[in-house]
């Protein structure tokens, strides 16, 4: 059992928490999750709760039958002969900490924003694409994942992963992509391993894709199947962008847009090649 209390919880973090825990009062969450999910949630809290405070208590097989974690609190956990206690600060220390001037707080927020802006510029954005066995994210499967990291308008890194399937590859998909069951069996990895590599590569960067709602529906299902938290990265869709910025074209498919911008496509209907094409189309759209 896990009991969690938070103050000043941002909406994005609340969405992550309510996927696994029940909110029984404002800022109070309870539930029963695995140790892995509990650790993931706590990491998420520490990364995203900059102003508020958090306390987590969970049951475990020790002498006390429980352990606890705190974040952004003057109360600190400490070990006393194998028993975990909480050290309560003196009243004077709390008062001193509370007297931080408005100017100091504002300066701290400015520095944080500048740091985040610099980090975003350094990390750029990531273009993603998938190949699947069909169009239904509930019943069909991902067979290939690809992503490229763009920094200063150039490809800085790339990822390409083939994924083993449980149901096989339909003939029409093999004809379209060239991906066979034999290739996946020889070079593919299981979905959980593929998603671990994919999510690690993307991190918290903004993502770009063509008809990205399709990709995100499959990624959401893949996260569910592999017991991972959903990817909530900010996203931009070149399909939506093209529809708003180009009015002298009838077909807004990726390769039709590539023809429109006279972009040479190396290999159609493979995830990495489509990532590169999407990147080039995105750059052209931003010039309009």
C-alpha atoms as a PDB file:
ATOM      1  CA  UNK A   1       0.000   0.000   0.000  1.00  0.00           C
ATOM      2  CA  UNK A   2       1.221   3.510  -0.869  1.00  0.00           C
ATOM      3  CA  UNK A   3      -0.022   6.773   0.671  1.00  0.00           C
ATOM      4  CA  UNK A   4       1.163  10.000  -0.955  1.00  0.00           C
ATOM      5  CA  UNK A   5       0.522  13.650  -0.088  1.00  0.00           C
ATOM      6  CA  UNK A   6       1.529  16.661  -2.212  1.00  0.00           C
ATOM      7  CA  UNK A   7       1.142  20.423  -2.216  1.00  0.00           C
ATOM      8  CA  UNK A   8       1.196  22.669  -5.311  1.00  0.00           C
ATOM      9  CA  UNK A   9       0.955  19.654  -7.623  1.00  0.00           C
ATOM     10  CA  UNK A  10       1.128  20.640 -11.337  1.00  0.00           C
ATOM     11  CA  UNK A  11      -1.638  19.212 -13.605  1.00  0.00           C
ATOM     12  CA  UNK A  12       0.813  17.131 -15.655  1.00  0.00           C
ATOM     13  CA  UNK A  13       2.137  15.384 -12.545  1.00  0.00           C
ATOM     14  CA  UNK A  14      -1.389  14.865 -11.205  1.00  0.00           C
ATOM     15  CA  UNK A  15      -2.276  13.098 -14.466  1.00  0.00           C
ATOM     16  CA  UNK A  16       0.646  10.693 -14.006  1.00  0.00           C
ATOM     17  CA  UNK A  17      -0.297   9.963 -10.397  1.00  0.00           C
ATOM     18  CA  UNK A  18      -3.994   9.336 -11.033  1.00  0.00           C
ATOM     19  CA  UNK A  19      -3.112   6.697 -13.606  1.00  0.00           C
ATOM     20  CA  UNK A  20      -1.754   4.494 -10.805  1.00  0.00           C
ATOM     21  CA  UNK A  21      -3.212   5.886  -7.570  1.00  0.00           C
ATOM     22  CA  UNK A  22      -6.627   7.062  -6.375  1.00  0.00           C
ATOM     23  CA  UNK A  23      -6.961  10.672  -5.257  1.00  0.00           C
ATOM     24  CA  UNK A  24      -9.104  10.529  -2.108  1.00  0.00           C
ATOM     25  CA  UNK A  25      -8.731  14.198  -1.171  1.00  0.00           C
ATOM     26  CA  UNK A  26      -6.946  17.255  -2.521  1.00  0.00           C
ATOM     27  CA  UNK A  27      -3.300  16.242  -2.826  1.00  0.00           C
ATOM     28  CA  UNK A  28      -3.810  12.851  -1.130  1.00  0.00           C
ATOM     29  CA  UNK A  29      -3.302   9.666  -3.184  1.00  0.00           C
ATOM     30  CA  UNK A  30      -3.507   6.009  -2.176  1.00  0.00           C
ATOM     31  CA  UNK A  31      -3.086   2.730  -4.010  1.00  0.00           C
ATOM     32  CA  UNK A  32      -1.251  -0.550  -4.364  1.00  0.00           C
ATOM     33  CA  UNK A  33       1.523  -0.617  -6.994  1.00  0.00           C
ATOM     34  CA  UNK A  34       4.713  -2.556  -7.632  1.00  0.00           C
ATOM     35  CA  UNK A  35       8.042  -1.351  -6.260  1.00  0.00           C
ATOM     36  CA  UNK A  36       9.139  -0.435  -9.781  1.00  0.00           C
ATOM     37  CA  UNK A  37       6.108   1.783 -10.396  1.00  0.00           C
ATOM     38  CA  UNK A  38       6.437   3.316  -6.939  1.00  0.00           C
ATOM     39  CA  UNK A  39      10.057   4.290  -7.650  1.00  0.00           C
ATOM     40  CA  UNK A  40       9.115   5.650 -11.077  1.00  0.00           C
ATOM     41  CA  UNK A  41       6.370   7.791  -9.533  1.00  0.00           C
ATOM     42  CA  UNK A  42       8.692   9.148  -6.862  1.00  0.00           C
ATOM     43  CA  UNK A  43      11.327  10.021  -9.469  1.00  0.00           C
ATOM     44  CA  UNK A  44       8.633  11.764 -11.482  1.00  0.00           C
ATOM     45  CA  UNK A  45       7.551  13.723  -8.406  1.00  0.00           C
ATOM     46  CA  UNK A  46      11.090  14.847  -7.562  1.00  0.00           C
ATOM     47  CA  UNK A  47      11.682  15.969 -11.154  1.00  0.00           C
ATOM     48  CA  UNK A  48       8.415  17.892 -11.576  1.00  0.00           C
ATOM     49  CA  UNK A  49       7.466  19.232  -8.137  1.00  0.00           C
ATOM     50  CA  UNK A  50       9.636  22.351  -7.916  1.00  0.00           C
ATOM     51  CA  UNK A  51       7.577  24.478  -5.514  1.00  0.00           C
ATOM     52  CA  UNK A  52       5.444  22.065  -3.501  1.00  0.00           C
ATOM     53  CA  UNK A  53       6.228  19.396  -0.926  1.00  0.00           C
ATOM     54  CA  UNK A  54       5.681  15.642  -1.133  1.00  0.00           C
ATOM     55  CA  UNK A  55       5.583  12.799   1.381  1.00  0.00           C
ATOM     56  CA  UNK A  56       5.265   9.121   0.485  1.00  0.00           C
ATOM     57  CA  UNK A  57       4.643   6.293   2.963  1.00  0.00           C
ATOM     58  CA  UNK A  58       4.583   2.675   1.795  1.00  0.00           C
ATOM     59  CA  UNK A  59       4.418  -0.739   3.405  1.00  0.00           C
ATOM     60  CA  UNK A  60       7.510  -2.945   3.397  1.00  0.00           C
ATOM     61  CA  UNK A  61       8.979  -5.976   5.176  1.00  0.00           C
ATOM     62  CA  UNK A  62      11.038  -4.246   7.860  1.00  0.00           C
ATOM     63  CA  UNK A  63      10.672  -3.918  11.626  1.00  0.00           C
ATOM     64  CA  UNK A  64       8.354  -0.931  11.302  1.00  0.00           C
ATOM     65  CA  UNK A  65       6.378  -2.401   8.437  1.00  0.00           C
ATOM     66  CA  UNK A  66       6.743   0.817   6.473  1.00  0.00           C
ATOM     67  CA  UNK A  67       9.170   3.302   4.941  1.00  0.00           C
ATOM     68  CA  UNK A  68       8.754   6.919   3.907  1.00  0.00           C
ATOM     69  CA  UNK A  69      10.257   9.523   1.565  1.00  0.00           C
ATOM     70  CA  UNK A  70      10.020  13.317   1.651  1.00  0.00           C
ATOM     71  CA  UNK A  71      10.700  15.990  -0.975  1.00  0.00           C
ATOM     72  CA  UNK A  72      11.200  19.757  -0.532  1.00  0.00           C
ATOM     73  CA  UNK A  73      10.593  19.460   3.205  1.00  0.00           C
ATOM     74  CA  UNK A  74      12.504  20.746   6.222  1.00  0.00           C
ATOM     75  CA  UNK A  75      11.597  17.474   7.965  1.00  0.00           C
ATOM     76  CA  UNK A  76      14.335  14.931   7.125  1.00  0.00           C
ATOM     77  CA  UNK A  77      14.331  11.105   7.370  1.00  0.00           C
ATOM     78  CA  UNK A  78      17.159   9.610   9.429  1.00  0.00           C
ATOM     79  CA  UNK A  79      18.237   6.115  10.417  1.00  0.00           C
ATOM     80  CA  UNK A  80      18.414   5.325  14.132  1.00  0.00           C
ATOM     81  CA  UNK A  81      19.795   1.834  14.774  1.00  0.00           C
ATOM     82  CA  UNK A  82      17.913   0.391  11.815  1.00  0.00           C
ATOM     83  CA  UNK A  83      14.702   2.275  12.541  1.00  0.00           C
ATOM     84  CA  UNK A  84      13.755   5.114  10.241  1.00  0.00           C
ATOM     85  CA  UNK A  85      12.707   8.259  12.075  1.00  0.00           C
ATOM     86  CA  UNK A  86      11.938  11.793  10.947  1.00  0.00           C
ATOM     87  CA  UNK A  87      14.037  14.716  12.177  1.00  0.00           C
ATOM     88  CA  UNK A  88      11.870  17.724  12.906  1.00  0.00           C
ATOM     89  CA  UNK A  89      13.642  21.105  12.475  1.00  0.00           C
ATOM     90  CA  UNK A  90      13.745  23.675  15.222  1.00  0.00           C
ATOM     91  CA  UNK A  91      11.169  26.446  15.016  1.00  0.00           C
ATOM     92  CA  UNK A  92      13.862  29.078  14.414  1.00  0.00           C
ATOM     93  CA  UNK A  93      15.204  27.191  11.391  1.00  0.00           C
ATOM     94  CA  UNK A  94      11.729  27.044   9.834  1.00  0.00           C
ATOM     95  CA  UNK A  95      11.249  30.772  10.354  1.00  0.00           C
ATOM     96  CA  UNK A  96      14.609  31.588   8.768  1.00  0.00           C
ATOM     97  CA  UNK A  97      13.821  29.460   5.733  1.00  0.00           C
ATOM     98  CA  UNK A  98      10.386  31.040   5.382  1.00  0.00           C
ATOM     99  CA  UNK A  99      11.814  34.552   5.253  1.00  0.00           C
ATOM    100  CA  UNK A 100      13.206  34.218   1.725  1.00  0.00           C
ATOM    101  CA  UNK A 101      12.381  37.499   0.025  1.00  0.00           C
ATOM    102  CA  UNK A 102      10.111  37.773  -2.976  1.00  0.00           C
ATOM    103  CA  UNK A 103      13.071  39.071  -5.001  1.00  0.00           C
ATOM    104  CA  UNK A 104      15.126  35.961  -4.160  1.00  0.00           C
ATOM    105  CA  UNK A 105      12.284  33.663  -5.175  1.00  0.00           C
ATOM    106  CA  UNK A 106      11.763  35.585  -8.416  1.00  0.00           C
ATOM    107  CA  UNK A 107      15.485  35.442  -9.191  1.00  0.00           C
ATOM    108  CA  UNK A 108      15.494  31.704  -8.566  1.00  0.00           C
ATOM    109  CA  UNK A 109      12.559  31.208 -10.965  1.00  0.00           C
ATOM    110  CA  UNK A 110      14.276  33.316 -13.651  1.00  0.00           C
ATOM    111  CA  UNK A 111      17.461  31.248 -13.365  1.00  0.00           C
ATOM    112  CA  UNK A 112      15.472  28.026 -13.559  1.00  0.00           C
ATOM    113  CA  UNK A 113      13.638  29.205 -16.677  1.00  0.00           C
ATOM    114  CA  UNK A 114      16.918  30.242 -18.314  1.00  0.00           C
ATOM    115  CA  UNK A 115      18.406  26.849 -17.481  1.00  0.00           C
ATOM    116  CA  UNK A 116      15.401  25.030 -18.978  1.00  0.00           C
ATOM    117  CA  UNK A 117      15.563  27.178 -22.134  1.00  0.00           C
ATOM    118  CA  UNK A 118      19.278  26.455 -22.544  1.00  0.00           C
ATOM    119  CA  UNK A 119      18.710  22.739 -21.971  1.00  0.00           C
ATOM    120  CA  UNK A 120      15.891  22.679 -24.548  1.00  0.00           C
ATOM    121  CA  UNK A 121      18.097  24.403 -27.121  1.00  0.00           C
ATOM    122  CA  UNK A 122      20.925  21.962 -26.471  1.00  0.00           C
ATOM    123  CA  UNK A 123      18.698  18.905 -26.666  1.00  0.00           C
ATOM    124  CA  UNK A 124      16.736  20.185 -29.686  1.00  0.00           C
ATOM    125  CA  UNK A 125      13.800  17.980 -30.609  1.00  0.00           C
ATOM    126  CA  UNK A 126      13.231  14.367 -31.639  1.00  0.00           C
ATOM    127  CA  UNK A 127      11.472  13.150 -34.790  1.00  0.00           C
ATOM    128  CA  UNK A 128       9.731   9.785 -34.363  1.00  0.00           C
ATOM    129  CA  UNK A 129       8.091   7.200 -36.613  1.00  0.00           C
ATOM    130  CA  UNK A 130       6.728   3.657 -36.295  1.00  0.00           C
ATOM    131  CA  UNK A 131       5.941   0.767 -38.581  1.00  0.00           C
ATOM    132  CA  UNK A 132       3.056  -1.449 -37.457  1.00  0.00           C
ATOM    133  CA  UNK A 133       1.179  -4.574 -38.520  1.00  0.00           C
ATOM    134  CA  UNK A 134      -2.024  -2.574 -39.047  1.00  0.00           C
ATOM    135  CA  UNK A 135      -4.018   0.502 -38.104  1.00  0.00           C
ATOM    136  CA  UNK A 136      -5.649  -0.630 -34.848  1.00  0.00           C
ATOM    137  CA  UNK A 137      -3.470   0.091 -31.807  1.00  0.00           C
ATOM    138  CA  UNK A 138      -5.506  -2.303 -29.645  1.00  0.00           C
ATOM    139  CA  UNK A 139      -5.079  -5.381 -31.831  1.00  0.00           C
ATOM    140  CA  UNK A 140      -2.101  -4.617 -34.096  1.00  0.00           C
ATOM    141  CA  UNK A 141       1.566  -4.426 -33.102  1.00  0.00           C
ATOM    142  CA  UNK A 142       4.620  -2.210 -33.533  1.00  0.00           C
ATOM    143  CA  UNK A 143       7.294  -3.869 -35.672  1.00  0.00           C
ATOM    144  CA  UNK A 144       9.768  -0.987 -35.939  1.00  0.00           C
ATOM    145  CA  UNK A 145      10.586   2.120 -33.901  1.00  0.00           C
ATOM    146  CA  UNK A 146      12.852   4.937 -35.042  1.00  0.00           C
ATOM    147  CA  UNK A 147      13.846   8.370 -33.780  1.00  0.00           C
ATOM    148  CA  UNK A 148      16.360  11.052 -34.738  1.00  0.00           C
ATOM    149  CA  UNK A 149      17.553  13.872 -32.490  1.00  0.00           C
ATOM    150  CA  UNK A 150      17.786  17.276 -34.156  1.00  0.00           C
ATOM    151  CA  UNK A 151      20.095  19.939 -32.722  1.00  0.00           C
ATOM    152  CA  UNK A 152      20.684  23.232 -34.534  1.00  0.00           C
ATOM    153  CA  UNK A 153      18.821  21.957 -37.624  1.00  0.00           C
ATOM    154  CA  UNK A 154      21.084  18.902 -38.012  1.00  0.00           C
ATOM    155  CA  UNK A 155      20.749  15.200 -37.176  1.00  0.00           C
ATOM    156  CA  UNK A 156      22.818  14.686 -34.020  1.00  0.00           C
ATOM    157  CA  UNK A 157      21.830  11.108 -33.133  1.00  0.00           C
ATOM    158  CA  UNK A 158      19.515   8.342 -34.291  1.00  0.00           C
ATOM    159  CA  UNK A 159      17.814   5.178 -33.080  1.00  0.00           C
ATOM    160  CA  UNK A 160      16.328   2.293 -35.064  1.00  0.00           C
ATOM    161  CA  UNK A 161      14.828  -0.794 -33.388  1.00  0.00           C
ATOM    162  CA  UNK A 162      13.037  -3.790 -34.900  1.00  0.00           C
ATOM    163  CA  UNK A 163      10.404  -5.341 -32.619  1.00  0.00           C
ATOM    164  CA  UNK A 164       9.412  -9.000 -32.428  1.00  0.00           C
ATOM    165  CA  UNK A 165       5.697  -9.684 -32.801  1.00  0.00           C
ATOM    166  CA  UNK A 166       3.382 -12.178 -31.160  1.00  0.00           C
ATOM    167  CA  UNK A 167       0.930 -12.454 -34.063  1.00  0.00           C
ATOM    168  CA  UNK A 168       3.222 -12.350 -37.086  1.00  0.00           C
ATOM    169  CA  UNK A 169       3.524  -9.876 -39.973  1.00  0.00           C
ATOM    170  CA  UNK A 170       0.707  -9.692 -42.556  1.00  0.00           C
ATOM    171  CA  UNK A 171       1.761 -10.203 -46.166  1.00  0.00           C
ATOM    172  CA  UNK A 172       0.568  -6.722 -47.163  1.00  0.00           C
ATOM    173  CA  UNK A 173       2.829  -5.152 -44.511  1.00  0.00           C
ATOM    174  CA  UNK A 174       5.820  -7.183 -45.681  1.00  0.00           C
ATOM    175  CA  UNK A 175       5.166  -6.031 -49.249  1.00  0.00           C
ATOM    176  CA  UNK A 176       4.914  -2.418 -48.063  1.00  0.00           C
ATOM    177  CA  UNK A 177       7.917  -2.315 -45.721  1.00  0.00           C
ATOM    178  CA  UNK A 178      10.089  -5.269 -46.675  1.00  0.00           C
ATOM    179  CA  UNK A 179       9.998  -6.417 -43.038  1.00  0.00           C
ATOM    180  CA  UNK A 180       9.442 -10.168 -42.681  1.00  0.00           C
ATOM    181  CA  UNK A 181       8.852 -12.382 -39.661  1.00  0.00           C
ATOM    182  CA  UNK A 182      12.292 -13.907 -40.262  1.00  0.00           C
ATOM    183  CA  UNK A 183      13.962 -10.479 -40.067  1.00  0.00           C
ATOM    184  CA  UNK A 184      12.161  -9.676 -36.825  1.00  0.00           C
ATOM    185  CA  UNK A 185      13.036 -13.045 -35.330  1.00  0.00           C
ATOM    186  CA  UNK A 186      16.711 -12.595 -36.232  1.00  0.00           C
ATOM    187  CA  UNK A 187      17.228  -8.879 -35.539  1.00  0.00           C
ATOM    188  CA  UNK A 188      14.246  -7.814 -33.432  1.00  0.00           C
ATOM    189  CA  UNK A 189      13.927  -7.379 -29.679  1.00  0.00           C
ATOM    190  CA  UNK A 190      10.904  -7.809 -27.426  1.00  0.00           C
ATOM    191  CA  UNK A 191       8.577  -4.829 -27.036  1.00  0.00           C
ATOM    192  CA  UNK A 192       9.652  -4.030 -23.453  1.00  0.00           C
ATOM    193  CA  UNK A 193      13.309  -3.759 -24.486  1.00  0.00           C
ATOM    194  CA  UNK A 194      12.438  -1.688 -27.564  1.00  0.00           C
ATOM    195  CA  UNK A 195      10.323   0.733 -25.506  1.00  0.00           C
ATOM    196  CA  UNK A 196      13.060   1.098 -22.907  1.00  0.00           C
ATOM    197  CA  UNK A 197      15.559   2.135 -25.603  1.00  0.00           C
ATOM    198  CA  UNK A 198      13.017   4.380 -27.334  1.00  0.00           C
ATOM    199  CA  UNK A 199      11.914   6.211 -24.171  1.00  0.00           C
ATOM    200  CA  UNK A 200      15.496   6.655 -22.988  1.00  0.00           C
ATOM    201  CA  UNK A 201      16.463   8.148 -26.360  1.00  0.00           C
ATOM    202  CA  UNK A 202      13.557  10.610 -26.355  1.00  0.00           C
ATOM    203  CA  UNK A 203      13.809  11.633 -22.704  1.00  0.00           C
ATOM    204  CA  UNK A 204      11.691  14.733 -22.098  1.00  0.00           C
ATOM    205  CA  UNK A 205      12.414  16.352 -25.471  1.00  0.00           C
ATOM    206  CA  UNK A 206       9.682  17.727 -27.699  1.00  0.00           C
ATOM    207  CA  UNK A 207       8.719  15.267 -30.429  1.00  0.00           C
ATOM    208  CA  UNK A 208       7.746  15.758 -34.068  1.00  0.00           C
ATOM    209  CA  UNK A 209       5.936  13.274 -36.294  1.00  0.00           C
ATOM    210  CA  UNK A 210       3.689  12.999 -39.337  1.00  0.00           C
ATOM    211  CA  UNK A 211       0.125  12.139 -38.267  1.00  0.00           C
ATOM    212  CA  UNK A 212       1.563  11.848 -34.785  1.00  0.00           C
ATOM    213  CA  UNK A 213      -1.794  10.921 -33.249  1.00  0.00           C
ATOM    214  CA  UNK A 214      -1.424   7.514 -34.942  1.00  0.00           C
ATOM    215  CA  UNK A 215       2.063   6.999 -33.488  1.00  0.00           C
ATOM    216  CA  UNK A 216       0.991   8.132 -30.035  1.00  0.00           C
ATOM    217  CA  UNK A 217      -1.958   5.737 -29.955  1.00  0.00           C
ATOM    218  CA  UNK A 218       0.399   2.788 -30.548  1.00  0.00           C
ATOM    219  CA  UNK A 219       2.971   4.144 -28.084  1.00  0.00           C
ATOM    220  CA  UNK A 220       0.286   4.561 -25.433  1.00  0.00           C
ATOM    221  CA  UNK A 221      -0.787   0.948 -25.898  1.00  0.00           C
ATOM    222  CA  UNK A 222       2.862  -0.183 -25.858  1.00  0.00           C
ATOM    223  CA  UNK A 223       3.393   1.672 -22.569  1.00  0.00           C
ATOM    224  CA  UNK A 224       0.343  -0.067 -21.138  1.00  0.00           C
ATOM    225  CA  UNK A 225       1.530  -3.496 -22.266  1.00  0.00           C
ATOM    226  CA  UNK A 226       5.039  -2.976 -20.872  1.00  0.00           C
ATOM    227  CA  UNK A 227       3.880  -1.362 -17.613  1.00  0.00           C
ATOM    228  CA  UNK A 228       5.476   2.005 -18.409  1.00  0.00           C
ATOM    229  CA  UNK A 229       4.231   5.539 -17.845  1.00  0.00           C
ATOM    230  CA  UNK A 230       2.736   7.256 -20.897  1.00  0.00           C
ATOM    231  CA  UNK A 231       4.891   9.530 -23.027  1.00  0.00           C
ATOM    232  CA  UNK A 232       3.573  13.030 -22.352  1.00  0.00           C
ATOM    233  CA  UNK A 233       6.207  14.952 -24.308  1.00  0.00           C
ATOM    234  CA  UNK A 234       5.074  18.118 -26.097  1.00  0.00           C
ATOM    235  CA  UNK A 235       4.452  17.240 -29.744  1.00  0.00           C
ATOM    236  CA  UNK A 236       4.126  18.832 -33.166  1.00  0.00           C
ATOM    237  CA  UNK A 237       2.438  17.230 -36.166  1.00  0.00           C
ATOM    238  CA  UNK A 238       3.747  17.944 -39.681  1.00  0.00           C
ATOM    239  CA  UNK A 239       0.396  16.782 -41.104  1.00  0.00           C
ATOM    240  CA  UNK A 240      -1.485  19.433 -39.134  1.00  0.00           C
ATOM    241  CA  UNK A 241       1.186  22.035 -39.888  1.00  0.00           C
ATOM    242  CA  UNK A 242       1.052  21.311 -43.639  1.00  0.00           C
ATOM    243  CA  UNK A 243      -2.744  21.593 -43.742  1.00  0.00           C
ATOM    244  CA  UNK A 244      -2.526  25.037 -42.145  1.00  0.00           C
ATOM    245  CA  UNK A 245       0.345  26.358 -44.254  1.00  0.00           C
ATOM    246  CA  UNK A 246      -0.076  24.774 -47.704  1.00  0.00           C
ATOM    247  CA  UNK A 247      -3.263  25.197 -49.744  1.00  0.00           C
ATOM    248  CA  UNK A 248      -2.101  24.279 -53.255  1.00  0.00           C
ATOM    249  CA  UNK A 249      -1.796  20.520 -52.732  1.00  0.00           C
ATOM    250  CA  UNK A 250      -4.430  17.763 -52.697  1.00  0.00           C
ATOM    251  CA  UNK A 251      -2.549  15.036 -50.824  1.00  0.00           C
ATOM    252  CA  UNK A 252      -0.951  15.685 -47.446  1.00  0.00           C
ATOM    253  CA  UNK A 253       0.689  12.282 -47.058  1.00  0.00           C
ATOM    254  CA  UNK A 254       4.358  12.402 -46.069  1.00  0.00           C
ATOM    255  CA  UNK A 255       5.777  11.404 -49.419  1.00  0.00           C
ATOM    256  CA  UNK A 256       3.419  13.740 -51.293  1.00  0.00           C
ATOM    257  CA  UNK A 257       4.794  16.585 -49.172  1.00  0.00           C
ATOM    258  CA  UNK A 258       8.321  15.374 -49.898  1.00  0.00           C
ATOM    259  CA  UNK A 259       7.558  15.613 -53.631  1.00  0.00           C
ATOM    260  CA  UNK A 260       6.058  19.076 -53.103  1.00  0.00           C
ATOM    261  CA  UNK A 261       9.270  20.299 -51.451  1.00  0.00           C
ATOM    262  CA  UNK A 262      11.464  18.305 -53.887  1.00  0.00           C
ATOM    263  CA  UNK A 263      12.924  16.207 -51.093  1.00  0.00           C
ATOM    264  CA  UNK A 264      14.599  12.979 -52.164  1.00  0.00           C
ATOM    265  CA  UNK A 265      13.268   9.948 -50.266  1.00  0.00           C
ATOM    266  CA  UNK A 266      15.818   7.161 -49.828  1.00  0.00           C
ATOM    267  CA  UNK A 267      13.472   4.376 -48.688  1.00  0.00           C
ATOM    268  CA  UNK A 268       9.697   4.520 -48.291  1.00  0.00           C
ATOM    269  CA  UNK A 269       7.742   2.971 -45.427  1.00  0.00           C
ATOM    270  CA  UNK A 270      10.702   2.326 -43.132  1.00  0.00           C
ATOM    271  CA  UNK A 271      10.719   4.115 -39.815  1.00  0.00           C
ATOM    272  CA  UNK A 272      14.196   5.682 -39.915  1.00  0.00           C
ATOM    273  CA  UNK A 273      13.859   6.872 -43.508  1.00  0.00           C
ATOM    274  CA  UNK A 274      10.443   8.348 -42.719  1.00  0.00           C
ATOM    275  CA  UNK A 275      11.943  10.144 -39.698  1.00  0.00           C
ATOM    276  CA  UNK A 276      14.522  11.792 -41.954  1.00  0.00           C
ATOM    277  CA  UNK A 277      11.846  12.762 -44.488  1.00  0.00           C
ATOM    278  CA  UNK A 278       9.614  14.138 -41.715  1.00  0.00           C
ATOM    279  CA  UNK A 279      12.528  16.215 -40.394  1.00  0.00           C
ATOM    280  CA  UNK A 280      13.196  17.681 -43.841  1.00  0.00           C
ATOM    281  CA  UNK A 281       9.495  18.435 -44.397  1.00  0.00           C
ATOM    282  CA  UNK A 282       9.257  20.035 -40.942  1.00  0.00           C
ATOM    283  CA  UNK A 283      12.221  22.291 -41.683  1.00  0.00           C
ATOM    284  CA  UNK A 284      10.633  23.376 -44.982  1.00  0.00           C
ATOM    285  CA  UNK A 285       7.265  24.044 -43.329  1.00  0.00           C
ATOM    286  CA  UNK A 286       8.944  26.287 -40.769  1.00  0.00           C
ATOM    287  CA  UNK A 287      10.348  28.393 -43.600  1.00  0.00           C
ATOM    288  CA  UNK A 288       6.858  29.235 -44.880  1.00  0.00           C
END
